[in-house]
Every structure is written in C-alpha cells, then in structure tokens.
N, C-alpha and C. Protein backbone atom coordinates (compact mmCIF):
# COMPACT_ATOMS: atom_id res chain seq x y z
N MET A 1 -22.77 29.08 -20.11
CA MET A 1 -22.42 29.49 -21.50
C MET A 1 -22.04 28.32 -22.31
N SER A 2 -22.59 28.03 -23.42
CA SER A 2 -22.37 26.90 -24.23
C SER A 2 -21.05 27.10 -25.02
N ALA A 3 -20.53 26.01 -25.59
CA ALA A 3 -19.34 26.15 -26.47
C ALA A 3 -19.54 27.00 -27.62
N THR A 4 -20.77 26.93 -28.17
CA THR A 4 -21.01 27.78 -29.33
C THR A 4 -21.08 29.26 -28.95
N GLU A 5 -21.64 29.53 -27.76
CA GLU A 5 -21.73 30.94 -27.35
C GLU A 5 -20.26 31.45 -27.08
N VAL A 6 -19.36 30.65 -26.51
CA VAL A 6 -17.98 31.13 -26.31
C VAL A 6 -17.29 31.30 -27.64
N ARG A 7 -17.47 30.31 -28.55
CA ARG A 7 -16.75 30.42 -29.81
C ARG A 7 -17.23 31.67 -30.59
N ASP A 8 -18.68 31.88 -30.49
CA ASP A 8 -19.21 33.06 -31.26
C ASP A 8 -19.06 34.41 -30.48
N SER A 9 -18.58 34.42 -29.28
CA SER A 9 -18.54 35.63 -28.53
C SER A 9 -17.39 36.41 -29.10
N ILE A 10 -17.45 37.75 -28.87
CA ILE A 10 -16.41 38.62 -29.33
C ILE A 10 -15.10 38.24 -28.72
N ILE A 11 -15.04 37.94 -27.43
CA ILE A 11 -13.72 37.56 -26.85
C ILE A 11 -13.28 36.25 -27.41
N GLY A 12 -14.16 35.33 -27.74
CA GLY A 12 -13.80 34.07 -28.29
C GLY A 12 -13.18 34.27 -29.71
N GLN A 13 -13.83 35.12 -30.47
CA GLN A 13 -13.34 35.37 -31.85
C GLN A 13 -11.99 36.07 -31.81
N LYS A 14 -11.90 37.04 -30.96
CA LYS A 14 -10.56 37.81 -30.84
C LYS A 14 -9.44 37.01 -30.25
N SER A 15 -9.79 36.13 -29.33
CA SER A 15 -8.64 35.32 -28.78
C SER A 15 -8.20 34.23 -29.84
N LYS A 16 -9.13 33.73 -30.64
CA LYS A 16 -8.76 32.81 -31.68
C LYS A 16 -7.95 33.51 -32.74
N ALA A 17 -8.37 34.69 -33.23
CA ALA A 17 -7.61 35.47 -34.24
C ALA A 17 -6.25 35.78 -33.60
N PHE A 18 -6.17 36.16 -32.41
CA PHE A 18 -4.91 36.51 -31.70
C PHE A 18 -3.93 35.35 -31.70
N ALA A 19 -4.55 34.15 -31.38
CA ALA A 19 -3.66 32.97 -31.31
C ALA A 19 -3.05 32.63 -32.67
N ILE A 20 -3.82 32.83 -33.66
CA ILE A 20 -3.30 32.60 -35.13
C ILE A 20 -2.13 33.57 -35.37
N ARG A 21 -2.32 34.85 -35.00
CA ARG A 21 -1.23 35.80 -35.17
C ARG A 21 0.04 35.48 -34.32
N VAL A 22 -0.18 34.94 -33.20
CA VAL A 22 0.87 34.56 -32.31
C VAL A 22 1.62 33.39 -32.84
N VAL A 23 0.95 32.46 -33.41
CA VAL A 23 1.64 31.24 -34.04
C VAL A 23 2.45 31.77 -35.21
N ARG A 24 1.88 32.63 -36.03
CA ARG A 24 2.70 33.18 -37.17
C ARG A 24 3.92 33.96 -36.60
N MET A 25 3.76 34.71 -35.55
CA MET A 25 4.86 35.47 -35.08
C MET A 25 5.93 34.55 -34.51
N ALA A 26 5.54 33.49 -33.78
CA ALA A 26 6.54 32.55 -33.28
C ALA A 26 7.28 31.86 -34.41
N LYS A 27 6.56 31.53 -35.53
CA LYS A 27 7.21 30.88 -36.67
C LYS A 27 8.19 31.80 -37.25
N TYR A 28 7.76 33.07 -37.41
CA TYR A 28 8.68 34.10 -37.96
C TYR A 28 10.04 34.23 -37.12
N LEU A 29 9.79 34.28 -35.75
CA LEU A 29 10.97 34.45 -34.86
C LEU A 29 11.92 33.24 -34.97
N GLN A 30 11.36 32.04 -35.08
CA GLN A 30 12.22 30.85 -35.18
C GLN A 30 12.82 30.80 -36.53
N GLN A 31 12.14 31.03 -37.61
CA GLN A 31 12.70 30.77 -38.90
C GLN A 31 13.59 31.93 -39.43
N GLU A 32 13.14 33.19 -39.17
CA GLU A 32 13.85 34.31 -39.71
C GLU A 32 14.90 34.90 -38.73
N LYS A 33 14.61 34.80 -37.42
CA LYS A 33 15.49 35.42 -36.52
C LYS A 33 16.29 34.43 -35.60
N CYS A 34 16.05 33.20 -35.75
CA CYS A 34 16.59 32.11 -34.96
C CYS A 34 16.52 32.44 -33.47
N GLU A 35 15.35 32.90 -33.11
CA GLU A 35 15.06 33.24 -31.72
C GLU A 35 14.06 32.26 -31.11
N TYR A 36 14.58 31.37 -30.35
CA TYR A 36 13.71 30.17 -29.89
C TYR A 36 13.19 30.43 -28.47
N VAL A 37 13.97 31.08 -27.61
CA VAL A 37 13.46 31.24 -26.23
C VAL A 37 12.28 32.16 -26.20
N LEU A 38 12.38 33.38 -26.73
CA LEU A 38 11.29 34.29 -26.73
C LEU A 38 10.11 33.83 -27.49
N SER A 39 10.33 33.15 -28.68
CA SER A 39 9.30 32.66 -29.49
C SER A 39 8.43 31.60 -28.74
N LYS A 40 9.12 30.82 -27.94
CA LYS A 40 8.37 29.74 -27.18
C LYS A 40 7.45 30.46 -25.98
N GLN A 41 8.08 31.44 -25.39
CA GLN A 41 7.43 32.21 -24.33
C GLN A 41 6.15 32.87 -24.89
N VAL A 42 6.34 33.54 -26.00
CA VAL A 42 5.24 34.24 -26.64
C VAL A 42 4.13 33.24 -27.17
N LEU A 43 4.62 32.21 -27.70
CA LEU A 43 3.66 31.16 -28.23
C LEU A 43 2.84 30.53 -27.13
N LYS A 44 3.53 30.20 -25.98
CA LYS A 44 2.80 29.57 -24.87
C LYS A 44 1.75 30.57 -24.23
N SER A 45 2.12 31.75 -23.94
CA SER A 45 1.28 32.69 -23.28
C SER A 45 0.18 33.23 -24.31
N GLY A 46 0.61 33.43 -25.57
CA GLY A 46 -0.42 33.89 -26.53
C GLY A 46 -1.49 32.94 -26.85
N THR A 47 -1.16 31.67 -26.93
CA THR A 47 -2.19 30.70 -27.25
C THR A 47 -2.97 30.22 -26.02
N SER A 48 -2.39 30.43 -24.84
CA SER A 48 -3.10 30.04 -23.62
C SER A 48 -4.24 31.01 -23.31
N ILE A 49 -4.24 32.21 -23.84
CA ILE A 49 -5.38 33.24 -23.67
C ILE A 49 -6.65 32.59 -24.16
N GLY A 50 -6.61 32.12 -25.43
CA GLY A 50 -7.85 31.55 -25.97
C GLY A 50 -8.23 30.26 -25.23
N ALA A 51 -7.21 29.47 -24.80
CA ALA A 51 -7.55 28.27 -23.98
C ALA A 51 -8.30 28.58 -22.67
N ASN A 52 -7.83 29.63 -22.04
CA ASN A 52 -8.49 30.00 -20.89
C ASN A 52 -9.85 30.57 -21.02
N VAL A 53 -10.07 31.34 -22.15
CA VAL A 53 -11.35 31.85 -22.50
C VAL A 53 -12.27 30.67 -22.80
N ARG A 54 -11.81 29.67 -23.49
CA ARG A 54 -12.71 28.46 -23.79
C ARG A 54 -13.01 27.68 -22.40
N GLU A 55 -11.98 27.64 -21.57
CA GLU A 55 -12.20 26.97 -20.30
C GLU A 55 -13.16 27.66 -19.40
N SER A 56 -13.32 28.95 -19.54
CA SER A 56 -14.22 29.69 -18.70
C SER A 56 -15.68 29.19 -18.97
N LYS A 57 -15.98 28.61 -20.08
CA LYS A 57 -17.36 28.18 -20.35
C LYS A 57 -17.73 27.06 -19.47
N ASN A 58 -16.71 26.29 -18.85
CA ASN A 58 -16.95 25.26 -17.93
C ASN A 58 -16.82 25.64 -16.49
N ALA A 59 -16.81 26.95 -16.24
CA ALA A 59 -16.72 27.43 -14.88
C ALA A 59 -17.80 26.88 -13.97
N GLU A 60 -17.48 26.59 -12.76
CA GLU A 60 -18.35 26.02 -11.84
C GLU A 60 -19.29 27.07 -11.12
N SER A 61 -18.76 28.33 -11.22
CA SER A 61 -19.55 29.33 -10.53
C SER A 61 -19.08 30.68 -11.19
N LYS A 62 -19.79 31.74 -10.86
CA LYS A 62 -19.44 33.12 -11.37
C LYS A 62 -18.01 33.42 -10.97
N PRO A 63 -17.55 33.34 -9.68
CA PRO A 63 -16.25 33.61 -9.31
C PRO A 63 -15.23 32.74 -10.08
N ASP A 64 -15.50 31.55 -10.37
CA ASP A 64 -14.64 30.64 -11.18
C ASP A 64 -14.49 31.17 -12.54
N PHE A 65 -15.69 31.55 -13.06
CA PHE A 65 -15.59 32.21 -14.42
C PHE A 65 -14.69 33.45 -14.54
N ILE A 66 -14.84 34.30 -13.56
CA ILE A 66 -14.08 35.49 -13.47
C ILE A 66 -12.58 35.12 -13.33
N HIS A 67 -12.30 34.16 -12.48
CA HIS A 67 -10.93 33.72 -12.31
C HIS A 67 -10.28 33.26 -13.53
N LYS A 68 -11.01 32.49 -14.27
CA LYS A 68 -10.43 31.91 -15.57
C LYS A 68 -10.18 33.06 -16.55
N LEU A 69 -11.08 33.99 -16.60
CA LEU A 69 -10.74 35.19 -17.49
C LEU A 69 -9.65 35.98 -17.01
N GLU A 70 -9.49 36.07 -15.65
CA GLU A 70 -8.32 36.84 -15.17
C GLU A 70 -7.02 36.18 -15.45
N ILE A 71 -7.02 34.88 -15.61
CA ILE A 71 -5.80 34.11 -15.95
C ILE A 71 -5.53 34.49 -17.46
N ALA A 72 -6.57 34.53 -18.22
CA ALA A 72 -6.35 34.91 -19.69
C ALA A 72 -5.73 36.29 -19.72
N PHE A 73 -6.20 37.22 -18.94
CA PHE A 73 -5.70 38.58 -18.84
C PHE A 73 -4.16 38.56 -18.46
N LYS A 74 -3.84 37.81 -17.50
CA LYS A 74 -2.45 37.75 -17.02
C LYS A 74 -1.55 37.18 -18.07
N GLU A 75 -2.03 36.24 -18.86
CA GLU A 75 -1.31 35.63 -19.87
C GLU A 75 -1.08 36.70 -21.05
N SER A 76 -2.06 37.60 -21.22
CA SER A 76 -1.92 38.60 -22.24
C SER A 76 -0.85 39.58 -21.81
N THR A 77 -0.72 39.82 -20.51
CA THR A 77 0.32 40.80 -19.91
C THR A 77 1.63 40.11 -20.13
N ARG A 78 1.77 38.77 -19.95
CA ARG A 78 3.02 38.02 -20.13
C ARG A 78 3.47 38.10 -21.63
N ARG A 79 2.46 37.96 -22.49
CA ARG A 79 2.76 37.97 -23.97
C ARG A 79 3.26 39.33 -24.26
N ASN A 80 2.69 40.37 -23.75
CA ASN A 80 3.08 41.80 -23.98
C ASN A 80 4.54 41.98 -23.51
N THR A 81 4.91 41.32 -22.45
CA THR A 81 6.33 41.45 -22.00
C THR A 81 7.26 40.82 -23.05
N GLY A 82 6.93 39.72 -23.52
CA GLY A 82 7.77 39.09 -24.60
C GLY A 82 7.86 39.94 -25.82
N TRP A 83 6.74 40.56 -26.25
CA TRP A 83 6.71 41.45 -27.39
C TRP A 83 7.64 42.67 -27.17
N ASN A 84 7.58 43.22 -25.93
CA ASN A 84 8.35 44.37 -25.63
C ASN A 84 9.81 44.04 -25.67
N SER A 85 10.16 42.85 -25.18
CA SER A 85 11.54 42.34 -25.28
C SER A 85 12.02 42.29 -26.74
N CYS A 86 11.23 41.70 -27.58
CA CYS A 86 11.55 41.63 -29.00
C CYS A 86 11.77 42.98 -29.61
N THR A 87 10.97 44.02 -29.20
CA THR A 87 11.12 45.30 -29.74
C THR A 87 12.43 45.96 -29.26
N LYS A 88 12.64 45.87 -27.92
CA LYS A 88 13.83 46.42 -27.27
C LYS A 88 15.15 45.81 -27.82
N LEU A 89 15.07 44.57 -28.15
CA LEU A 89 16.23 43.84 -28.71
C LEU A 89 16.39 44.00 -30.19
N THR A 90 15.53 44.85 -30.74
CA THR A 90 15.43 45.14 -32.13
C THR A 90 15.24 43.90 -33.02
N ILE A 91 14.62 42.91 -32.48
CA ILE A 91 14.15 41.73 -33.22
C ILE A 91 13.04 42.18 -34.22
N PHE A 92 12.14 43.05 -33.64
CA PHE A 92 11.15 43.62 -34.49
C PHE A 92 11.38 45.24 -34.47
N PRO A 93 11.29 45.73 -35.66
CA PRO A 93 11.41 47.22 -35.65
C PRO A 93 10.24 47.93 -34.98
N LYS A 94 10.48 49.00 -34.34
CA LYS A 94 9.38 49.73 -33.78
C LYS A 94 8.41 50.20 -34.80
N GLN A 95 7.11 50.20 -34.49
CA GLN A 95 6.11 50.61 -35.42
C GLN A 95 6.11 52.16 -35.39
N PRO A 96 5.96 52.76 -36.58
CA PRO A 96 5.94 54.23 -36.61
C PRO A 96 4.61 54.73 -35.87
N SER A 97 4.77 55.79 -35.14
CA SER A 97 3.67 56.32 -34.36
C SER A 97 2.72 57.01 -35.35
N THR A 98 1.43 56.84 -35.09
CA THR A 98 0.47 57.53 -35.94
C THR A 98 -0.21 58.62 -35.18
N PRO A 99 -0.39 59.75 -35.80
CA PRO A 99 -1.01 60.89 -35.08
C PRO A 99 -2.40 60.63 -34.72
C-alpha cells in the first residue's frame, strides 16, 4: 500500500481528523482546565493512532500489517480510558443521550 493510498483511505482520513480533534482537546484541557497529566496521556495515545496507521503501509508482511493496526486499536482503547476519566471527574460534562 503506497503512502497516497494510506492517506486517502478511510482509516487514514479518519485517524488524521481524529488526531486534530485530540490536539484541540488536549489544548483545551491544558488551557481551560489546567489538567496536564490526562491531556498528555490523551494526546499521546490519540495521535499515535494515525502514526500506527501510516506505519502499517510499510509492513513487511500481512501479519505485520495486521499487528500495526492492532496497535492503533489498542491506542484508541487507551484514549477512550482517558476520555472516560475526564467525564467521570466532571472535567467534561456528560453528553445528553439522544433517542
């Protein structure tokens, strides 16, 4: 898979958009809430998702490709843990549920 194919793939587009949102969220946490520990954790895991997706293009084999994408998935789980911590600590208000 070429760099252009990864960049133009759905997962490439979504991971890039997600990384931009994560950077904005970390900035908000640091500037508005003075929360530095969680913001760094969320920033590292949220931006590494896209990095692992891009790295998968250089996989040496199909199992290596799958492994790199599994790492991206694990990082998304870690990011979700940080987000849940922010919500439970009332750093972010809970989103209203939609029917």
